[in-house]
Amino acid sequence: MQEIISKAMYADDINMYIVCYRDMDTLKEVTLKDFLELSENFQLIPANRIVYIKRGDKIIYSKRSNR
């Protein structure tokens, strides 16, 4: 996941990436850029609450597939 985020931030268009994360009992989707701002760089929302990351329509990270 760290490689994906780093690539998105420094070598790609960060707005192409969507993060789905757990917020209480719901799942929320926001752009990676918005997630980093909301989470204050993972201080308020830890990385372990990320369910998946997708670029466009393709899921490129999924917590389920990485277990």
PDB file of N, CA and C in Angstrom:
ATOM      1  N   MET A   1       0.821  -1.189   0.000  1.00  0.00           N
ATOM      2  CA  MET A   1       0.000   0.000   0.000  1.00  0.00           C
ATOM      3  C   MET A   1       0.871   1.262   0.000  1.00  0.00           C
ATOM      4  N   GLN A   2       1.977   1.233   0.708  1.00  0.00           N
ATOM      5  CA  GLN A   2       2.862   2.403   0.753  1.00  0.00           C
ATOM      6  C   GLN A   2       3.397   2.751  -0.630  1.00  0.00           C
ATOM      7  N   GLU A   3       3.740   1.726  -1.407  1.00  0.00           N
ATOM      8  CA  GLU A   3       4.246   1.975  -2.761  1.00  0.00           C
ATOM      9  C   GLU A   3       3.186   2.634  -3.637  1.00  0.00           C
ATOM     10  N   ILE A   4       1.949   2.181  -3.515  1.00  0.00           N
ATOM     11  CA  ILE A   4       0.851   2.743  -4.301  1.00  0.00           C
ATOM     12  C   ILE A   4       0.655   4.213  -3.967  1.00  0.00           C
ATOM     13  N   ILE A   5       0.631   4.520  -2.688  1.00  0.00           N
ATOM     14  CA  ILE A   5       0.415   5.905  -2.253  1.00  0.00           C
ATOM     15  C   ILE A   5       1.576   6.787  -2.688  1.00  0.00           C
ATOM     16  N   SER A   6       2.785   6.296  -2.527  1.00  0.00           N
ATOM     17  CA  SER A   6       3.958   7.069  -2.939  1.00  0.00           C
ATOM     18  C   SER A   6       3.936   7.335  -4.443  1.00  0.00           C
ATOM     19  N   LYS A   7       3.640   6.299  -5.226  1.00  0.00           N
ATOM     20  CA  LYS A   7       3.572   6.477  -6.681  1.00  0.00           C
ATOM     21  C   LYS A   7       2.500   7.497  -7.045  1.00  0.00           C
ATOM     22  N   ALA A   8       1.342   7.399  -6.411  1.00  0.00           N
ATOM     23  CA  ALA A   8       0.241   8.323  -6.705  1.00  0.00           C
ATOM     24  C   ALA A   8       0.634   9.763  -6.393  1.00  0.00           C
ATOM     25  N   MET A   9       1.343   9.955  -5.307  1.00  0.00           N
ATOM     26  CA  MET A   9       1.702  11.304  -4.876  1.00  0.00           C
ATOM     27  C   MET A   9       2.809  11.928  -5.732  1.00  0.00           C
ATOM     28  N   TYR A  10       3.772  11.111  -6.145  1.00  0.00           N
ATOM     29  CA  TYR A  10       4.962  11.676  -6.752  1.00  0.00           C
ATOM     30  C   TYR A  10       5.160  11.355  -8.230  1.00  0.00           C
ATOM     31  N   ALA A  11       4.476  10.341  -8.742  1.00  0.00           N
ATOM     32  CA  ALA A  11       4.737   9.946 -10.127  1.00  0.00           C
ATOM     33  C   ALA A  11       3.472   9.786 -10.961  1.00  0.00           C
ATOM     34  N   ASP A  12       2.332  10.149 -10.416  1.00  0.00           N
ATOM     35  CA  ASP A  12       1.073   9.948 -11.134  1.00  0.00           C
ATOM     36  C   ASP A  12       0.103  11.056 -10.717  1.00  0.00           C
ATOM     37  N   ASP A  13      -1.107  10.976 -11.226  1.00  0.00           N
ATOM     38  CA  ASP A  13      -2.154  11.945 -10.874  1.00  0.00           C
ATOM     39  C   ASP A  13      -2.898  11.442  -9.647  1.00  0.00           C
ATOM     40  N   ILE A  14      -2.656  12.059  -8.514  1.00  0.00           N
ATOM     41  CA  ILE A  14      -3.232  11.623  -7.238  1.00  0.00           C
ATOM     42  C   ILE A  14      -4.765  11.628  -7.263  1.00  0.00           C
ATOM     43  N   ASN A  15      -5.351  12.451  -8.112  1.00  0.00           N
ATOM     44  CA  ASN A  15      -6.813  12.531  -8.184  1.00  0.00           C
ATOM     45  C   ASN A  15      -7.444  11.340  -8.913  1.00  0.00           C
ATOM     46  N   MET A  16      -6.624  10.500  -9.537  1.00  0.00           N
ATOM     47  CA  MET A  16      -7.121   9.300 -10.207  1.00  0.00           C
ATOM     48  C   MET A  16      -7.352   8.151  -9.219  1.00  0.00           C
ATOM     49  N   TYR A  17      -6.878   8.312  -7.993  1.00  0.00           N
ATOM     50  CA  TYR A  17      -6.938   7.244  -7.004  1.00  0.00           C
ATOM     51  C   TYR A  17      -8.090   7.480  -6.025  1.00  0.00           C
ATOM     52  N   ILE A  18      -8.860   6.422  -5.784  1.00  0.00           N
ATOM     53  CA  ILE A  18      -9.976   6.463  -4.852  1.00  0.00           C
ATOM     54  C   ILE A  18      -9.659   5.538  -3.683  1.00  0.00           C
ATOM     55  N   VAL A  19      -9.883   6.031  -2.474  1.00  0.00           N
ATOM     56  CA  VAL A  19      -9.664   5.248  -1.259  1.00  0.00           C
ATOM     57  C   VAL A  19     -11.021   4.955  -0.634  1.00  0.00           C
ATOM     58  N   CYS A  20     -11.237   3.703  -0.304  1.00  0.00           N
ATOM     59  CA  CYS A  20     -12.428   3.302   0.449  1.00  0.00           C
ATOM     60  C   CYS A  20     -11.950   2.949   1.853  1.00  0.00           C
ATOM     61  N   TYR A  21     -12.557   3.570   2.864  1.00  0.00           N
ATOM     62  CA  TYR A  21     -12.135   3.314   4.239  1.00  0.00           C
ATOM     63  C   TYR A  21     -13.347   3.159   5.149  1.00  0.00           C
ATOM     64  N   ARG A  22     -13.119   2.461   6.268  1.00  0.00           N
ATOM     65  CA  ARG A  22     -14.174   2.278   7.258  1.00  0.00           C
ATOM     66  C   ARG A  22     -14.299   3.526   8.119  1.00  0.00           C
ATOM     67  N   ASP A  23     -15.532   3.998   8.263  1.00  0.00           N
ATOM     68  CA  ASP A  23     -15.844   5.128   9.127  1.00  0.00           C
ATOM     69  C   ASP A  23     -17.028   4.692   9.982  1.00  0.00           C
ATOM     70  N   MET A  24     -16.731   4.279  11.194  1.00  0.00           N
ATOM     71  CA  MET A  24     -17.733   3.670  12.082  1.00  0.00           C
ATOM     72  C   MET A  24     -18.274   2.412  11.399  1.00  0.00           C
ATOM     73  N   ASP A  25     -19.575   2.364  11.137  1.00  0.00           N
ATOM     74  CA  ASP A  25     -20.192   1.183  10.530  1.00  0.00           C
ATOM     75  C   ASP A  25     -20.412   1.327   9.035  1.00  0.00           C
ATOM     76  N   THR A  26     -19.826   2.345   8.413  1.00  0.00           N
ATOM     77  CA  THR A  26     -20.036   2.561   6.984  1.00  0.00           C
ATOM     78  C   THR A  26     -18.700   2.586   6.248  1.00  0.00           C
ATOM     79  N   LEU A  27     -18.789   2.447   4.948  1.00  0.00           N
ATOM     80  CA  LEU A  27     -17.618   2.588   4.095  1.00  0.00           C
ATOM     81  C   LEU A  27     -17.752   3.896   3.326  1.00  0.00           C
ATOM     82  N   LYS A  28     -16.664   4.632   3.232  1.00  0.00           N
ATOM     83  CA  LYS A  28     -16.664   5.897   2.503  1.00  0.00           C
ATOM     84  C   LYS A  28     -15.605   5.844   1.421  1.00  0.00           C
ATOM     85  N   GLU A  29     -15.907   6.451   0.288  1.00  0.00           N
ATOM     86  CA  GLU A  29     -14.962   6.575  -0.815  1.00  0.00           C
ATOM     87  C   GLU A  29     -14.634   8.038  -1.044  1.00  0.00           C
ATOM     88  N   VAL A  30     -13.357   8.336  -1.097  1.00  0.00           N
ATOM     89  CA  VAL A  30     -12.876   9.688  -1.386  1.00  0.00           C
ATOM     90  C   VAL A  30     -11.617   9.568  -2.235  1.00  0.00           C
ATOM     91  N   THR A  31     -11.221  10.654  -2.871  1.00  0.00           N
ATOM     92  CA  THR A  31      -9.959  10.615  -3.608  1.00  0.00           C
ATOM     93  C   THR A  31      -8.811  10.462  -2.608  1.00  0.00           C
ATOM     94  N   LEU A  32      -7.707   9.953  -3.092  1.00  0.00           N
ATOM     95  CA  LEU A  32      -6.535   9.795  -2.223  1.00  0.00           C
ATOM     96  C   LEU A  32      -6.102  11.141  -1.669  1.00  0.00           C
ATOM     97  N   LYS A  33      -6.146  12.162  -2.496  1.00  0.00           N
ATOM     98  CA  LYS A  33      -5.775  13.505  -2.036  1.00  0.00           C
ATOM     99  C   LYS A  33      -6.661  13.941  -0.871  1.00  0.00           C
ATOM    100  N   ASP A  34      -7.970  13.747  -1.013  1.00  0.00           N
ATOM    101  CA  ASP A  34      -8.898  14.103   0.070  1.00  0.00           C
ATOM    102  C   ASP A  34      -8.675  13.236   1.307  1.00  0.00           C
ATOM    103  N   PHE A  35      -8.395  11.948   1.092  1.00  0.00           N
ATOM    104  CA  PHE A  35      -8.149  11.059   2.227  1.00  0.00           C
ATOM    105  C   PHE A  35      -6.938  11.522   3.028  1.00  0.00           C
ATOM    106  N   LEU A  36      -5.869  11.880   2.343  1.00  0.00           N
ATOM    107  CA  LEU A  36      -4.667  12.328   3.050  1.00  0.00           C
ATOM    108  C   LEU A  36      -4.937  13.599   3.848  1.00  0.00           C
ATOM    109  N   GLU A  37      -5.767  14.478   3.306  1.00  0.00           N
ATOM    110  CA  GLU A  37      -6.134  15.694   4.039  1.00  0.00           C
ATOM    111  C   GLU A  37      -7.036  15.363   5.223  1.00  0.00           C
ATOM    112  N   LEU A  38      -8.072  14.539   5.000  1.00  0.00           N
ATOM    113  CA  LEU A  38      -8.992  14.157   6.077  1.00  0.00           C
ATOM    114  C   LEU A  38      -8.272  13.428   7.209  1.00  0.00           C
ATOM    115  N   SER A  39      -7.387  12.536   6.826  1.00  0.00           N
ATOM    116  CA  SER A  39      -6.701  11.712   7.830  1.00  0.00           C
ATOM    117  C   SER A  39      -5.507  12.422   8.453  1.00  0.00           C
ATOM    118  N   GLU A  40      -5.208  13.605   7.946  1.00  0.00           N
ATOM    119  CA  GLU A  40      -4.017  14.340   8.375  1.00  0.00           C
ATOM    120  C   GLU A  40      -2.799  13.423   8.290  1.00  0.00           C
ATOM    121  N   ASN A  41      -2.602  12.878   7.067  1.00  0.00           N
ATOM    122  CA  ASN A  41      -1.503  11.950   6.786  1.00  0.00           C
ATOM    123  C   ASN A  41      -1.476  10.781   7.765  1.00  0.00           C
ATOM    124  N   PHE A  42      -2.633  10.129   7.913  1.00  0.00           N
ATOM    125  CA  PHE A  42      -2.835   8.920   8.705  1.00  0.00           C
ATOM    126  C   PHE A  42      -2.809   9.160  10.211  1.00  0.00           C
ATOM    127  N   GLN A  43      -2.884  10.384  10.660  1.00  0.00           N
ATOM    128  CA  GLN A  43      -2.927  10.648  12.093  1.00  0.00           C
ATOM    129  C   GLN A  43      -4.329  10.438  12.658  1.00  0.00           C
ATOM    130  N   LEU A  44      -5.374  10.853  11.939  1.00  0.00           N
ATOM    131  CA  LEU A  44      -6.751  10.713  12.417  1.00  0.00           C
ATOM    132  C   LEU A  44      -7.421   9.433  11.919  1.00  0.00           C
ATOM    133  N   ILE A  45      -7.048   8.994  10.730  1.00  0.00           N
ATOM    134  CA  ILE A  45      -7.591   7.756  10.156  1.00  0.00           C
ATOM    135  C   ILE A  45      -6.401   6.873   9.826  1.00  0.00           C
ATOM    136  N   PRO A  46      -6.187   5.816  10.603  1.00  0.00           N
ATOM    137  CA  PRO A  46      -5.016   4.967  10.351  1.00  0.00           C
ATOM    138  C   PRO A  46      -5.169   4.133   9.081  1.00  0.00           C
ATOM    139  N   ALA A  47      -4.050   3.732   8.536  1.00  0.00           N
ATOM    140  CA  ALA A  47      -4.029   2.962   7.291  1.00  0.00           C
ATOM    141  C   ALA A  47      -4.783   1.643   7.414  1.00  0.00           C
ATOM    142  N   ASN A  48      -4.867   1.076   8.606  1.00  0.00           N
ATOM    143  CA  ASN A  48      -5.550  -0.216   8.739  1.00  0.00           C
ATOM    144  C   ASN A  48      -7.062  -0.114   8.524  1.00  0.00           C
ATOM    145  N   ARG A  49      -7.600   1.093   8.410  1.00  0.00           N
ATOM    146  CA  ARG A  49      -9.024   1.260   8.105  1.00  0.00           C
ATOM    147  C   ARG A  49      -9.285   1.364   6.609  1.00  0.00           C
ATOM    148  N   ILE A  50      -8.239   1.348   5.796  1.00  0.00           N
ATOM    149  CA  ILE A  50      -8.411   1.362   4.345  1.00  0.00           C
ATOM    150  C   ILE A  50      -8.838  -0.031   3.894  1.00  0.00           C
ATOM    151  N   VAL A  51      -9.942  -0.089   3.163  1.00  0.00           N
ATOM    152  CA  VAL A  51     -10.476  -1.352   2.671  1.00  0.00           C
ATOM    153  C   VAL A  51      -9.901  -1.655   1.285  1.00  0.00           C
ATOM    154  N   TYR A  52      -9.903  -0.643   0.410  1.00  0.00           N
ATOM    155  CA  TYR A  52      -9.290  -0.807  -0.901  1.00  0.00           C
ATOM    156  C   TYR A  52      -8.895   0.536  -1.470  1.00  0.00           C
ATOM    157  N   ILE A  53      -8.011   0.474  -2.466  1.00  0.00           N
ATOM    158  CA  ILE A  53      -7.608   1.645  -3.243  1.00  0.00           C
ATOM    159  C   ILE A  53      -7.793   1.264  -4.698  1.00  0.00           C
ATOM    160  N   LYS A  54      -8.389   2.156  -5.458  1.00  0.00           N
ATOM    161  CA  LYS A  54      -8.515   1.882  -6.883  1.00  0.00           C
ATOM    162  C   LYS A  54      -8.021   3.073  -7.688  1.00  0.00           C
ATOM    163  N   ARG A  55      -7.564   2.766  -8.887  1.00  0.00           N
ATOM    164  CA  ARG A  55      -7.143   3.791  -9.841  1.00  0.00           C
ATOM    165  C   ARG A  55      -8.088   3.661 -11.012  1.00  0.00           C
ATOM    166  N   GLY A  56      -8.903   4.673 -11.205  1.00  0.00           N
ATOM    167  CA  GLY A  56      -9.966   4.559 -12.194  1.00  0.00           C
ATOM    168  C   GLY A  56     -10.963   3.528 -11.707  1.00  0.00           C
ATOM    169  N   ASP A  57     -11.232   2.516 -12.529  1.00  0.00           N
ATOM    170  CA  ASP A  57     -12.169   1.459 -12.145  1.00  0.00           C
ATOM    171  C   ASP A  57     -11.477   0.197 -11.647  1.00  0.00           C
ATOM    172  N   LYS A  58     -10.153   0.193 -11.617  1.00  0.00           N
ATOM    173  CA  LYS A  58      -9.409  -1.012 -11.261  1.00  0.00           C
ATOM    174  C   LYS A  58      -8.923  -0.952  -9.811  1.00  0.00           C
ATOM    175  N   ILE A  59      -9.280  -1.973  -9.029  1.00  0.00           N
ATOM    176  CA  ILE A  59      -8.798  -2.059  -7.647  1.00  0.00           C
ATOM    177  C   ILE A  59      -7.340  -2.502  -7.686  1.00  0.00           C
ATOM    178  N   ILE A  60      -6.475  -1.679  -7.102  1.00  0.00           N
ATOM    179  CA  ILE A  60      -5.045  -1.983  -7.116  1.00  0.00           C
ATOM    180  C   ILE A  60      -4.524  -2.387  -5.741  1.00  0.00           C
ATOM    181  N   TYR A  61      -5.323  -2.198  -4.704  1.00  0.00           N
ATOM    182  CA  TYR A  61      -5.009  -2.677  -3.360  1.00  0.00           C
ATOM    183  C   TYR A  61      -6.319  -3.074  -2.711  1.00  0.00           C
ATOM    184  N   SER A  62      -6.334  -4.233  -2.101  1.00  0.00           N
ATOM    185  CA  SER A  62      -7.502  -4.672  -1.356  1.00  0.00           C
ATOM    186  C   SER A  62      -7.027  -5.350  -0.093  1.00  0.00           C
ATOM    187  N   LYS A  63      -7.574  -4.940   1.028  1.00  0.00           N
ATOM    188  CA  LYS A  63      -7.194  -5.539   2.302  1.00  0.00           C
ATOM    189  C   LYS A  63      -7.465  -7.040   2.271  1.00  0.00           C
ATOM    190  N   ARG A  64      -8.572  -7.434   1.689  1.00  0.00           N
ATOM    191  CA  ARG A  64      -8.955  -8.847   1.649  1.00  0.00           C
ATOM    192  C   ARG A  64      -7.907  -9.684   0.910  1.00  0.00           C
ATOM    193  N   SER A  65      -7.419  -9.188  -0.222  1.00  0.00           N
ATOM    194  CA  SER A  65      -6.476  -9.985  -1.011  1.00  0.00           C
ATOM    195  C   SER A  65      -5.065  -9.976  -0.407  1.00  0.00           C
ATOM    196  N   ASN A  66      -4.819  -9.098   0.549  1.00  0.00           N
ATOM    197  CA  ASN A  66      -3.487  -9.008   1.150  1.00  0.00           C
ATOM    198  C   ASN A  66      -3.388  -9.720   2.505  1.00  0.00           C
ATOM    199  N   ARG A  67      -4.392 -10.475   2.860  1.00  0.00           N
ATOM    200  CA  ARG A  67      -4.363 -11.195   4.149  1.00  0.00           C
ATOM    201  C   ARG A  67      -3.699 -12.518   4.006  1.00  0.00           C
TER     202      ARG A  67
END
